[in-house]
């Protein structure tokens, strides 16, 4: 290594609601002139610490029109699959229907995550769709549960405002 830097200058902790994200930037065994910089993004749940977490989302929809309400991927930096994601509907909507499909999706990574290059093409994933009953206007709610091959389980609570 060319020099020594304390961990305090390498780790950036960002707090968003009940989620702490650690951003770690480091350069290992690569001289700075070579531009070898790696980013490690790690999500740290503040829940039980046992791999289970809740995600809350809100969506807006037009009555009777199908919308995508959620999707997930497990993707390596080279855009290959990093494992599998499964999903099921735990609580179906009261004023419409939801369905889940396992297919290739366009991910939505944000720089400086190196996986941002994967946003230009489809990768393995799972997604959920919602369609309200024709003529319905108001609030609906769907609860999904997803699990990854890495042993993470998420309950996804989605509120839909149908206009």
Foldseek 3Di string as FASTA:
>chain_A
DPDDDDQVVQWDWDDDPQKIKIKGKDAPPDDVVVVRIDIDIDIDGPPPNQQEEEAEEEEEAEAQDKDWFDKDAQADLVRAGPWAKDKDWPFAKPFWGKDKDWDWDQDDDDPPHSSNVSNVDTGTMMTMMIHGHHPDFAKIKTWMWMATPVGHIYIYIYIYGYD
